[in-house]
């Protein structure tokens, strides 16, 4: 297992999240490109608190639970980086400062919410007898927030209207699904 020292992040180029680059550019870091790997050394000391040790390789003999835990930690770290960059950009835009513990708390809450949302979506699909999640499952998960559910239905209808006619004929849609998505009234925000 490779553990990267604090201050340096090394990983395969195909796994770089876009949000990481955004944060890296905000911090005016400098990239050093070497072969198929990237090493990013931070030049801005104020960003050091944002980085943790990152595990990028899984032990050959690792169990499924260990691999899942490592991937969850890696996803949580990437999610935290995205949250930090969004919070810093919003604070800068508003002319405010945001404390590190608050950003960490927001990131953890948002990550826990997305984990629960993923479980709910999986359960909705299983309840409907499907093995994959579809747009209706996402809309159902937003049932407590009427505005969000309406926006999602409108977005779904927009996607369906932009879909080529030949594609629409090939995919089966139930009457219930069509009825649910066509009864949407979009009310613009003022």
N, C-alpha and C. Protein backbone atom coordinates (compact mmCIF):
# COMPACT_ATOMS: atom_id res chain seq x y z
N UNK A 1 0.85 -1.16 0.00
CA UNK A 1 0.00 0.00 0.00
C UNK A 1 0.91 1.23 0.00
N UNK A 2 0.63 2.16 -0.88
CA UNK A 2 1.42 3.38 -0.95
C UNK A 2 0.70 4.49 -0.21
N UNK A 3 1.38 5.07 0.77
CA UNK A 3 0.82 6.21 1.49
C UNK A 3 1.65 7.42 1.11
N UNK A 4 0.98 8.44 0.65
CA UNK A 4 1.65 9.64 0.17
C UNK A 4 1.83 10.60 1.34
N UNK A 5 3.01 11.19 1.50
CA UNK A 5 3.21 12.13 2.60
C UNK A 5 2.35 13.37 2.44
N UNK A 6 2.04 14.02 3.57
CA UNK A 6 1.22 15.23 3.53
C UNK A 6 1.92 16.27 2.66
N UNK A 7 1.11 17.03 1.92
CA UNK A 7 1.66 18.08 1.08
C UNK A 7 1.85 17.65 -0.36
N UNK A 8 1.81 16.35 -0.63
CA UNK A 8 1.97 15.86 -1.99
C UNK A 8 0.84 14.87 -2.28
N UNK A 9 0.25 15.02 -3.45
CA UNK A 9 -0.79 14.08 -3.85
C UNK A 9 -0.33 13.43 -5.14
N UNK A 10 -0.32 12.10 -5.18
CA UNK A 10 0.14 11.38 -6.37
C UNK A 10 -0.93 10.36 -6.72
N UNK A 11 -1.37 10.40 -7.98
CA UNK A 11 -2.36 9.43 -8.41
C UNK A 11 -2.35 9.34 -9.92
N UNK A 12 -3.00 8.28 -10.43
CA UNK A 12 -3.07 8.05 -11.87
C UNK A 12 -3.83 9.19 -12.53
N UNK A 13 -3.42 9.57 -13.73
CA UNK A 13 -4.02 10.73 -14.39
C UNK A 13 -5.49 10.53 -14.73
N UNK A 14 -5.95 9.29 -14.95
CA UNK A 14 -7.35 9.07 -15.31
C UNK A 14 -8.31 9.22 -14.14
N UNK A 15 -7.80 9.33 -12.92
CA UNK A 15 -8.69 9.41 -11.77
C UNK A 15 -8.74 10.81 -11.16
N UNK A 16 -8.26 11.81 -11.88
CA UNK A 16 -8.24 13.16 -11.32
C UNK A 16 -9.62 13.79 -11.42
N UNK A 17 -10.19 14.21 -10.29
CA UNK A 17 -11.49 14.88 -10.35
C UNK A 17 -11.34 16.32 -10.82
N UNK A 18 -12.34 16.84 -11.51
CA UNK A 18 -12.29 18.22 -12.00
C UNK A 18 -12.22 19.20 -10.84
N UNK A 19 -12.93 18.92 -9.77
CA UNK A 19 -12.96 19.83 -8.63
C UNK A 19 -11.56 19.99 -8.03
N UNK A 20 -10.74 18.94 -8.09
CA UNK A 20 -9.39 19.04 -7.57
C UNK A 20 -8.60 20.08 -8.34
N UNK A 21 -8.70 20.05 -9.65
CA UNK A 21 -7.99 21.05 -10.44
C UNK A 21 -8.48 22.45 -10.14
N UNK A 22 -9.78 22.61 -9.93
CA UNK A 22 -10.33 23.92 -9.62
C UNK A 22 -9.74 24.43 -8.32
N UNK A 23 -9.70 23.59 -7.29
CA UNK A 23 -9.14 23.97 -6.00
C UNK A 23 -7.66 24.27 -6.15
N UNK A 24 -6.98 23.46 -6.91
CA UNK A 24 -5.55 23.63 -7.10
C UNK A 24 -5.27 24.96 -7.77
N UNK A 25 -6.08 25.34 -8.78
CA UNK A 25 -5.91 26.61 -9.45
C UNK A 25 -6.22 27.77 -8.52
N UNK A 26 -7.27 27.63 -7.69
CA UNK A 26 -7.59 28.68 -6.73
C UNK A 26 -6.43 28.92 -5.78
N UNK A 27 -5.76 27.85 -5.39
CA UNK A 27 -4.65 27.97 -4.46
C UNK A 27 -3.35 28.35 -5.13
N UNK A 28 -3.38 28.58 -6.41
CA UNK A 28 -2.21 28.91 -7.23
C UNK A 28 -1.05 27.96 -6.97
N UNK A 29 -1.37 26.67 -6.99
CA UNK A 29 -0.34 25.66 -6.84
C UNK A 29 0.40 25.48 -8.16
N UNK A 30 1.45 24.70 -8.16
CA UNK A 30 2.21 24.48 -9.37
C UNK A 30 2.33 22.98 -9.60
N UNK A 31 2.01 22.55 -10.80
CA UNK A 31 2.04 21.13 -11.10
C UNK A 31 3.37 20.71 -11.69
N UNK A 32 3.83 19.56 -11.34
CA UNK A 32 5.06 19.01 -11.87
C UNK A 32 4.68 17.70 -12.55
N UNK A 33 4.66 17.67 -13.89
CA UNK A 33 4.20 16.50 -14.63
C UNK A 33 5.35 15.53 -14.82
N UNK A 34 5.13 14.28 -14.42
CA UNK A 34 6.17 13.26 -14.58
C UNK A 34 5.54 11.98 -15.10
N UNK A 35 5.74 11.66 -16.32
CA UNK A 35 5.23 10.43 -16.90
C UNK A 35 3.73 10.31 -16.77
N UNK A 36 3.23 9.16 -16.30
CA UNK A 36 1.81 8.93 -16.15
C UNK A 36 1.26 9.38 -14.80
N UNK A 37 2.12 9.93 -13.95
CA UNK A 37 1.67 10.35 -12.63
C UNK A 37 1.84 11.85 -12.49
N UNK A 38 1.15 12.39 -11.53
CA UNK A 38 1.27 13.81 -11.27
C UNK A 38 1.61 14.01 -9.81
N UNK A 39 2.52 14.92 -9.56
CA UNK A 39 2.80 15.29 -8.19
C UNK A 39 2.50 16.77 -8.08
N UNK A 40 1.68 17.10 -7.13
CA UNK A 40 1.29 18.48 -6.94
C UNK A 40 1.81 18.92 -5.59
N UNK A 41 2.66 19.90 -5.60
CA UNK A 41 3.18 20.42 -4.34
C UNK A 41 2.57 21.79 -4.13
N UNK A 42 2.02 21.99 -2.97
CA UNK A 42 1.35 23.25 -2.70
C UNK A 42 2.36 24.35 -2.41
N UNK A 43 2.14 25.50 -2.99
CA UNK A 43 2.97 26.67 -2.74
C UNK A 43 2.31 27.60 -1.73
N UNK A 44 1.03 27.41 -1.49
CA UNK A 44 0.28 28.28 -0.61
C UNK A 44 0.12 27.60 0.75
N UNK A 45 0.82 28.07 1.80
CA UNK A 45 0.76 27.40 3.09
C UNK A 45 -0.63 27.39 3.72
N UNK A 46 -1.51 28.33 3.33
CA UNK A 46 -2.85 28.37 3.92
C UNK A 46 -3.70 27.19 3.46
N UNK A 47 -3.29 26.50 2.40
CA UNK A 47 -4.07 25.37 1.91
C UNK A 47 -3.65 24.04 2.52
N UNK A 48 -2.58 24.05 3.32
CA UNK A 48 -2.05 22.80 3.84
C UNK A 48 -3.09 22.04 4.66
N UNK A 49 -3.94 22.71 5.41
CA UNK A 49 -4.92 22.04 6.25
C UNK A 49 -5.91 21.23 5.44
N UNK A 50 -6.02 21.50 4.15
CA UNK A 50 -7.00 20.82 3.32
C UNK A 50 -6.55 19.44 2.86
N UNK A 51 -5.29 19.13 3.02
CA UNK A 51 -4.78 17.89 2.46
C UNK A 51 -4.53 16.87 3.56
N UNK A 52 -4.87 15.63 3.28
CA UNK A 52 -4.61 14.53 4.20
C UNK A 52 -3.72 13.53 3.47
N UNK A 53 -3.32 12.52 4.20
CA UNK A 53 -2.61 11.44 3.54
C UNK A 53 -3.60 10.74 2.62
N UNK A 54 -3.18 10.50 1.39
CA UNK A 54 -4.07 9.89 0.40
C UNK A 54 -3.51 8.53 0.01
N UNK A 55 -4.33 7.50 0.12
CA UNK A 55 -3.93 6.16 -0.28
C UNK A 55 -4.41 5.95 -1.71
N UNK A 56 -3.49 5.61 -2.59
CA UNK A 56 -3.86 5.49 -3.99
C UNK A 56 -3.77 4.06 -4.52
N UNK A 57 -3.09 3.20 -3.82
CA UNK A 57 -2.97 1.83 -4.28
C UNK A 57 -3.52 0.90 -3.21
N UNK A 58 -4.19 -0.13 -3.63
CA UNK A 58 -4.77 -1.09 -2.70
C UNK A 58 -3.83 -2.29 -2.60
N UNK A 59 -3.65 -2.78 -1.38
CA UNK A 59 -2.82 -3.96 -1.18
C UNK A 59 -3.36 -5.12 -2.00
N UNK A 60 -2.48 -5.95 -2.50
CA UNK A 60 -2.88 -7.08 -3.32
C UNK A 60 -3.76 -8.03 -2.52
N UNK A 61 -3.46 -8.27 -1.26
CA UNK A 61 -4.22 -9.21 -0.45
C UNK A 61 -5.36 -8.58 0.35
N UNK A 62 -5.74 -7.36 0.04
CA UNK A 62 -6.76 -6.66 0.82
C UNK A 62 -8.13 -7.31 0.61
N UNK A 63 -8.92 -7.35 1.69
CA UNK A 63 -10.26 -7.91 1.60
C UNK A 63 -11.20 -6.90 0.94
N UNK A 64 -12.40 -7.38 0.58
CA UNK A 64 -13.39 -6.51 -0.05
C UNK A 64 -13.77 -5.36 0.88
N UNK A 65 -13.92 -5.64 2.19
CA UNK A 65 -14.28 -4.58 3.14
C UNK A 65 -13.18 -3.52 3.22
N UNK A 66 -11.93 -3.96 3.21
CA UNK A 66 -10.81 -3.02 3.27
C UNK A 66 -10.77 -2.15 2.02
N UNK A 67 -10.98 -2.79 0.86
CA UNK A 67 -10.98 -2.03 -0.40
C UNK A 67 -12.12 -1.02 -0.41
N UNK A 68 -13.31 -1.46 0.04
CA UNK A 68 -14.47 -0.57 0.07
C UNK A 68 -14.22 0.60 1.01
N UNK A 69 -13.64 0.32 2.17
CA UNK A 69 -13.34 1.37 3.14
C UNK A 69 -12.34 2.37 2.56
N UNK A 70 -11.31 1.87 1.88
CA UNK A 70 -10.31 2.76 1.28
C UNK A 70 -10.93 3.62 0.19
N UNK A 71 -11.78 3.02 -0.63
CA UNK A 71 -12.43 3.80 -1.69
C UNK A 71 -13.38 4.84 -1.11
N UNK A 72 -14.08 4.48 -0.03
CA UNK A 72 -14.98 5.43 0.62
C UNK A 72 -14.19 6.61 1.18
N UNK A 73 -13.05 6.31 1.80
CA UNK A 73 -12.21 7.39 2.33
C UNK A 73 -11.69 8.28 1.22
N UNK A 74 -11.30 7.67 0.10
CA UNK A 74 -10.82 8.46 -1.03
C UNK A 74 -11.93 9.34 -1.60
N UNK A 75 -13.13 8.77 -1.74
CA UNK A 75 -14.28 9.56 -2.21
C UNK A 75 -14.61 10.69 -1.24
N UNK A 76 -14.57 10.39 0.06
CA UNK A 76 -14.85 11.41 1.07
C UNK A 76 -13.83 12.55 0.98
N UNK A 77 -12.56 12.20 0.77
CA UNK A 77 -11.52 13.24 0.64
C UNK A 77 -11.76 14.10 -0.60
N UNK A 78 -12.10 13.47 -1.70
CA UNK A 78 -12.37 14.23 -2.92
C UNK A 78 -13.61 15.10 -2.76
N UNK A 79 -14.63 14.55 -2.10
CA UNK A 79 -15.85 15.31 -1.84
C UNK A 79 -15.53 16.51 -0.95
N UNK A 80 -14.69 16.30 0.05
CA UNK A 80 -14.29 17.38 0.95
C UNK A 80 -13.54 18.47 0.17
N UNK A 81 -12.66 18.08 -0.74
CA UNK A 81 -11.95 19.06 -1.55
C UNK A 81 -12.92 19.90 -2.38
N UNK A 82 -13.91 19.25 -2.96
CA UNK A 82 -14.92 19.98 -3.74
C UNK A 82 -15.69 20.94 -2.85
N UNK A 83 -16.07 20.48 -1.67
CA UNK A 83 -16.82 21.32 -0.74
C UNK A 83 -15.99 22.52 -0.31
N UNK A 84 -14.73 22.29 -0.03
CA UNK A 84 -13.83 23.37 0.38
C UNK A 84 -13.72 24.41 -0.72
N UNK A 85 -13.54 23.96 -1.95
CA UNK A 85 -13.38 24.91 -3.05
C UNK A 85 -14.65 25.72 -3.27
N UNK A 86 -15.81 25.08 -3.18
CA UNK A 86 -17.07 25.79 -3.36
C UNK A 86 -17.27 26.79 -2.22
N UNK A 87 -17.00 26.37 -0.98
CA UNK A 87 -17.18 27.26 0.17
C UNK A 87 -16.23 28.45 0.09
N UNK A 88 -14.97 28.21 -0.29
CA UNK A 88 -14.02 29.31 -0.40
C UNK A 88 -14.41 30.28 -1.51
N UNK A 89 -14.85 29.75 -2.64
CA UNK A 89 -15.26 30.62 -3.74
C UNK A 89 -16.48 31.46 -3.35
N UNK A 90 -17.44 30.85 -2.67
CA UNK A 90 -18.63 31.57 -2.24
C UNK A 90 -18.28 32.62 -1.18
N UNK A 91 -17.41 32.27 -0.25
CA UNK A 91 -16.99 33.22 0.78
C UNK A 91 -16.24 34.40 0.15
N UNK A 92 -15.39 34.10 -0.81
CA UNK A 92 -14.65 35.16 -1.50
C UNK A 92 -15.62 36.07 -2.26
N UNK A 93 -16.60 35.48 -2.94
CA UNK A 93 -17.59 36.25 -3.69
C UNK A 93 -18.41 37.15 -2.76
N UNK A 94 -18.69 36.66 -1.56
CA UNK A 94 -19.50 37.41 -0.60
C UNK A 94 -18.67 38.35 0.27
N UNK A 95 -17.35 38.27 0.15
CA UNK A 95 -16.49 39.11 0.96
C UNK A 95 -16.46 38.68 2.42
N UNK A 96 -16.59 37.39 2.66
CA UNK A 96 -16.62 36.86 4.02
C UNK A 96 -15.50 35.85 4.20
N UNK A 97 -15.29 35.48 5.46
CA UNK A 97 -14.35 34.41 5.77
C UNK A 97 -15.14 33.22 6.29
N UNK A 98 -14.63 32.03 6.05
CA UNK A 98 -15.31 30.83 6.55
C UNK A 98 -14.28 30.01 7.31
N UNK A 99 -14.68 29.51 8.47
CA UNK A 99 -13.73 28.78 9.31
C UNK A 99 -13.57 27.34 8.83
N UNK A 100 -12.38 26.81 9.09
CA UNK A 100 -12.05 25.45 8.66
C UNK A 100 -12.98 24.39 9.27
N UNK A 101 -13.27 24.46 10.58
CA UNK A 101 -14.16 23.43 11.14
C UNK A 101 -15.57 23.45 10.54
N UNK A 102 -16.05 24.64 10.20
CA UNK A 102 -17.39 24.74 9.60
C UNK A 102 -17.40 24.07 8.23
N UNK A 103 -16.38 24.33 7.42
CA UNK A 103 -16.30 23.72 6.09
C UNK A 103 -16.20 22.20 6.22
N UNK A 104 -15.40 21.72 7.16
CA UNK A 104 -15.26 20.28 7.36
C UNK A 104 -16.60 19.67 7.78
N UNK A 105 -17.32 20.37 8.64
CA UNK A 105 -18.63 19.88 9.10
C UNK A 105 -19.63 19.84 7.94
N UNK A 106 -19.65 20.89 7.12
CA UNK A 106 -20.54 20.93 5.96
C UNK A 106 -20.21 19.78 5.00
N UNK A 107 -18.91 19.56 4.77
CA UNK A 107 -18.49 18.50 3.87
C UNK A 107 -18.93 17.13 4.39
N UNK A 108 -18.76 16.89 5.68
CA UNK A 108 -19.16 15.60 6.25
C UNK A 108 -20.67 15.40 6.19
N UNK A 109 -21.43 16.44 6.51
CA UNK A 109 -22.89 16.34 6.43
C UNK A 109 -23.36 16.06 5.01
N UNK A 110 -22.78 16.77 4.05
CA UNK A 110 -23.17 16.58 2.65
C UNK A 110 -22.80 15.18 2.17
N UNK A 111 -21.64 14.69 2.59
CA UNK A 111 -21.23 13.34 2.18
C UNK A 111 -22.17 12.29 2.77
N UNK A 112 -22.53 12.45 4.05
CA UNK A 112 -23.46 11.52 4.68
C UNK A 112 -24.82 11.56 3.98
N UNK A 113 -25.25 12.76 3.59
CA UNK A 113 -26.52 12.89 2.88
C UNK A 113 -26.47 12.15 1.54
N UNK A 114 -25.37 12.30 0.80
CA UNK A 114 -25.27 11.63 -0.50
C UNK A 114 -25.20 10.11 -0.33
N UNK A 115 -24.55 9.64 0.74
CA UNK A 115 -24.53 8.20 0.99
C UNK A 115 -25.95 7.68 1.24
N UNK A 116 -26.72 8.42 2.04
CA UNK A 116 -28.10 8.01 2.32
C UNK A 116 -28.96 8.09 1.07
N UNK A 117 -28.75 9.12 0.26
CA UNK A 117 -29.49 9.27 -0.99
C UNK A 117 -29.22 8.09 -1.92
N UNK A 118 -27.96 7.68 -2.01
CA UNK A 118 -27.62 6.53 -2.87
C UNK A 118 -28.32 5.26 -2.39
N UNK A 119 -28.37 5.07 -1.07
CA UNK A 119 -29.06 3.89 -0.53
C UNK A 119 -30.56 3.95 -0.84
N UNK A 120 -31.15 5.15 -0.68
CA UNK A 120 -32.58 5.31 -0.99
C UNK A 120 -32.87 5.01 -2.45
N UNK A 121 -32.03 5.53 -3.35
CA UNK A 121 -32.24 5.30 -4.78
C UNK A 121 -32.15 3.82 -5.11
N UNK A 122 -31.19 3.15 -4.49
CA UNK A 122 -31.05 1.71 -4.71
C UNK A 122 -32.30 0.96 -4.23
N UNK A 123 -32.83 1.36 -3.07
CA UNK A 123 -34.04 0.71 -2.55
C UNK A 123 -35.25 0.99 -3.43
N UNK A 124 -35.39 2.21 -3.96
CA UNK A 124 -36.50 2.53 -4.86
C UNK A 124 -36.45 1.64 -6.10
N UNK A 125 -35.25 1.48 -6.66
CA UNK A 125 -35.10 0.65 -7.86
C UNK A 125 -35.42 -0.81 -7.54
N UNK A 126 -34.94 -1.31 -6.41
CA UNK A 126 -35.23 -2.69 -6.01
C UNK A 126 -36.72 -2.90 -5.79
N UNK A 127 -37.38 -1.94 -5.17
CA UNK A 127 -38.81 -2.03 -4.92
C UNK A 127 -39.60 -2.12 -6.23
N UNK A 128 -39.10 -1.43 -7.26
CA UNK A 128 -39.76 -1.47 -8.56
C UNK A 128 -39.35 -2.70 -9.37
N UNK A 129 -38.48 -3.53 -8.82
CA UNK A 129 -38.06 -4.75 -9.50
C UNK A 129 -37.00 -4.51 -10.56
N UNK A 130 -36.26 -3.43 -10.42
CA UNK A 130 -35.20 -3.12 -11.38
C UNK A 130 -33.84 -3.26 -10.73
N UNK A 131 -32.81 -3.43 -11.56
CA UNK A 131 -31.45 -3.52 -11.05
C UNK A 131 -30.69 -2.22 -11.21
N UNK A 132 -31.28 -1.25 -11.89
CA UNK A 132 -30.60 0.04 -12.07
C UNK A 132 -31.54 1.19 -11.71
N UNK A 133 -30.94 2.28 -11.30
CA UNK A 133 -31.69 3.48 -10.90
C UNK A 133 -32.03 4.28 -12.15
N UNK A 134 -33.25 4.81 -12.21
CA UNK A 134 -33.61 5.66 -13.35
C UNK A 134 -34.07 7.04 -12.86
N UNK A 135 -34.48 7.88 -13.78
CA UNK A 135 -34.85 9.25 -13.47
C UNK A 135 -36.02 9.33 -12.49
N UNK A 136 -36.98 8.43 -12.62
CA UNK A 136 -38.14 8.45 -11.72
C UNK A 136 -37.72 8.22 -10.27
N UNK A 137 -36.71 7.37 -10.05
CA UNK A 137 -36.22 7.14 -8.69
C UNK A 137 -35.65 8.42 -8.09
N UNK A 138 -34.94 9.17 -8.91
CA UNK A 138 -34.36 10.44 -8.44
C UNK A 138 -35.48 11.43 -8.12
N UNK A 139 -36.50 11.49 -8.96
CA UNK A 139 -37.62 12.41 -8.72
C UNK A 139 -38.37 12.00 -7.45
N UNK A 140 -38.56 10.70 -7.24
CA UNK A 140 -39.24 10.23 -6.04
C UNK A 140 -38.44 10.60 -4.79
N UNK A 141 -37.11 10.53 -4.88
CA UNK A 141 -36.29 10.85 -3.71
C UNK A 141 -36.40 12.32 -3.31
N UNK A 142 -36.87 13.16 -4.22
CA UNK A 142 -37.01 14.59 -3.93
C UNK A 142 -38.43 14.96 -3.52
N UNK A 143 -39.24 13.98 -3.14
CA UNK A 143 -40.66 14.24 -2.86
C UNK A 143 -40.89 15.20 -1.70
N UNK A 144 -39.95 15.34 -0.78
CA UNK A 144 -40.15 16.24 0.36
C UNK A 144 -39.92 17.70 -0.01
N UNK A 145 -39.27 17.94 -1.13
CA UNK A 145 -38.99 19.31 -1.57
C UNK A 145 -39.72 19.52 -2.90
N UNK A 146 -40.89 20.15 -2.83
CA UNK A 146 -41.74 20.30 -4.02
C UNK A 146 -41.04 21.04 -5.14
N UNK A 147 -40.33 22.11 -4.80
CA UNK A 147 -39.66 22.90 -5.83
C UNK A 147 -38.60 22.06 -6.55
N UNK A 148 -37.82 21.31 -5.78
CA UNK A 148 -36.79 20.45 -6.38
C UNK A 148 -37.43 19.37 -7.24
N UNK A 149 -38.50 18.75 -6.76
CA UNK A 149 -39.17 17.70 -7.53
C UNK A 149 -39.72 18.27 -8.84
N UNK A 150 -40.31 19.46 -8.77
CA UNK A 150 -40.83 20.11 -9.98
C UNK A 150 -39.70 20.42 -10.95
N UNK A 151 -38.59 20.93 -10.43
CA UNK A 151 -37.44 21.23 -11.29
C UNK A 151 -36.89 19.97 -11.94
N UNK A 152 -36.82 18.89 -11.18
CA UNK A 152 -36.33 17.63 -11.74
C UNK A 152 -37.26 17.09 -12.82
N UNK A 153 -38.57 17.18 -12.59
CA UNK A 153 -39.53 16.72 -13.61
C UNK A 153 -39.40 17.55 -14.87
N UNK A 154 -39.26 18.86 -14.70
CA UNK A 154 -39.11 19.75 -15.85
C UNK A 154 -37.84 19.41 -16.62
N UNK A 155 -36.75 19.17 -15.89
CA UNK A 155 -35.49 18.80 -16.51
C UNK A 155 -35.63 17.48 -17.26
N UNK A 156 -36.33 16.52 -16.66
CA UNK A 156 -36.58 15.22 -17.29
C UNK A 156 -37.36 15.40 -18.59
N UNK A 157 -38.39 16.24 -18.55
CA UNK A 157 -39.18 16.50 -19.77
C UNK A 157 -38.34 17.17 -20.84
N UNK A 158 -37.47 18.10 -20.44
CA UNK A 158 -36.58 18.75 -21.41
C UNK A 158 -35.66 17.73 -22.07
N UNK A 159 -35.13 16.81 -21.26
CA UNK A 159 -34.26 15.77 -21.82
C UNK A 159 -35.02 14.88 -22.80
N UNK A 160 -36.25 14.53 -22.43
CA UNK A 160 -37.05 13.67 -23.31
C UNK A 160 -37.41 14.39 -24.60
N UNK A 161 -37.66 15.69 -24.54
CA UNK A 161 -38.02 16.42 -25.75
C UNK A 161 -36.82 16.59 -26.68
N UNK A 162 -35.61 16.62 -26.12
CA UNK A 162 -34.40 16.77 -26.94
C UNK A 162 -33.93 15.44 -27.51
N UNK A 163 -34.45 14.33 -26.97
CA UNK A 163 -34.07 13.01 -27.43
C UNK A 163 -34.58 12.80 -28.85
N UNK A 164 -33.75 12.26 -29.74
CA UNK A 164 -34.21 12.01 -31.11
C UNK A 164 -35.42 11.07 -31.14
N UNK A 165 -36.29 11.28 -32.11
CA UNK A 165 -37.52 10.49 -32.22
C UNK A 165 -37.23 9.00 -32.35
N UNK A 166 -36.19 8.63 -33.09
CA UNK A 166 -35.87 7.21 -33.27
C UNK A 166 -35.48 6.57 -31.94
N UNK A 167 -34.78 7.29 -31.08
CA UNK A 167 -34.41 6.77 -29.76
C UNK A 167 -35.66 6.59 -28.90
N UNK A 168 -36.60 7.54 -28.99
CA UNK A 168 -37.80 7.49 -28.18
C UNK A 168 -38.65 6.27 -28.51
N UNK A 169 -38.68 5.88 -29.78
CA UNK A 169 -39.48 4.74 -30.19
C UNK A 169 -38.90 3.44 -29.64
N UNK A 170 -37.58 3.38 -29.52
CA UNK A 170 -36.93 2.15 -29.07
C UNK A 170 -37.10 1.91 -27.58
N UNK A 171 -37.20 2.97 -26.80
CA UNK A 171 -37.30 2.79 -25.36
C UNK A 171 -38.76 2.68 -24.95
N UNK A 172 -39.04 1.74 -24.06
CA UNK A 172 -40.40 1.58 -23.56
C UNK A 172 -40.60 2.53 -22.40
N UNK A 173 -41.76 3.19 -22.38
CA UNK A 173 -42.13 3.99 -21.21
C UNK A 173 -43.53 3.59 -20.81
N UNK A 174 -43.72 3.46 -19.54
CA UNK A 174 -45.04 3.07 -19.05
C UNK A 174 -45.98 4.27 -19.08
N UNK A 175 -47.28 4.00 -19.09
CA UNK A 175 -48.27 5.09 -19.06
C UNK A 175 -48.14 5.89 -17.78
N UNK A 176 -47.86 5.19 -16.70
CA UNK A 176 -47.73 5.84 -15.41
C UNK A 176 -46.57 6.85 -15.43
N UNK A 177 -45.43 6.46 -16.01
CA UNK A 177 -44.27 7.34 -16.10
C UNK A 177 -44.57 8.54 -16.97
N UNK A 178 -45.21 8.32 -18.11
CA UNK A 178 -45.57 9.43 -19.00
C UNK A 178 -46.53 10.38 -18.32
N UNK A 179 -47.51 9.83 -17.60
CA UNK A 179 -48.49 10.67 -16.91
C UNK A 179 -47.81 11.50 -15.83
N UNK A 180 -46.87 10.90 -15.10
CA UNK A 180 -46.19 11.61 -14.02
C UNK A 180 -45.33 12.74 -14.55
N UNK A 181 -44.70 12.56 -15.69
CA UNK A 181 -43.80 13.59 -16.19
C UNK A 181 -44.50 14.63 -17.04
N UNK A 182 -45.69 14.33 -17.58
CA UNK A 182 -46.38 15.31 -18.41
C UNK A 182 -47.27 16.23 -17.61
N UNK A 183 -47.55 15.91 -16.36
CA UNK A 183 -48.43 16.75 -15.56
C UNK A 183 -47.67 17.81 -14.77
N UNK A 184 -46.54 18.25 -15.27
CA UNK A 184 -45.71 19.22 -14.57
C UNK A 184 -46.02 20.62 -15.06
N UNK A 185 -46.18 21.52 -14.13
CA UNK A 185 -46.36 22.93 -14.45
C UNK A 185 -45.14 23.65 -13.90
N UNK A 186 -44.42 24.33 -14.75
CA UNK A 186 -43.21 25.03 -14.33
C UNK A 186 -43.56 26.45 -13.92
N UNK A 187 -43.25 26.80 -12.69
CA UNK A 187 -43.49 28.15 -12.18
C UNK A 187 -42.13 28.81 -11.99
N UNK A 188 -41.81 29.84 -12.78
CA UNK A 188 -40.50 30.48 -12.66
C UNK A 188 -40.37 31.25 -11.36
N UNK A 189 -39.14 31.31 -10.83
CA UNK A 189 -38.86 32.08 -9.62
C UNK A 189 -38.77 33.56 -9.97
N UNK A 190 -39.26 34.38 -9.11
CA UNK A 190 -39.18 35.84 -9.33
C UNK A 190 -38.09 36.45 -8.52
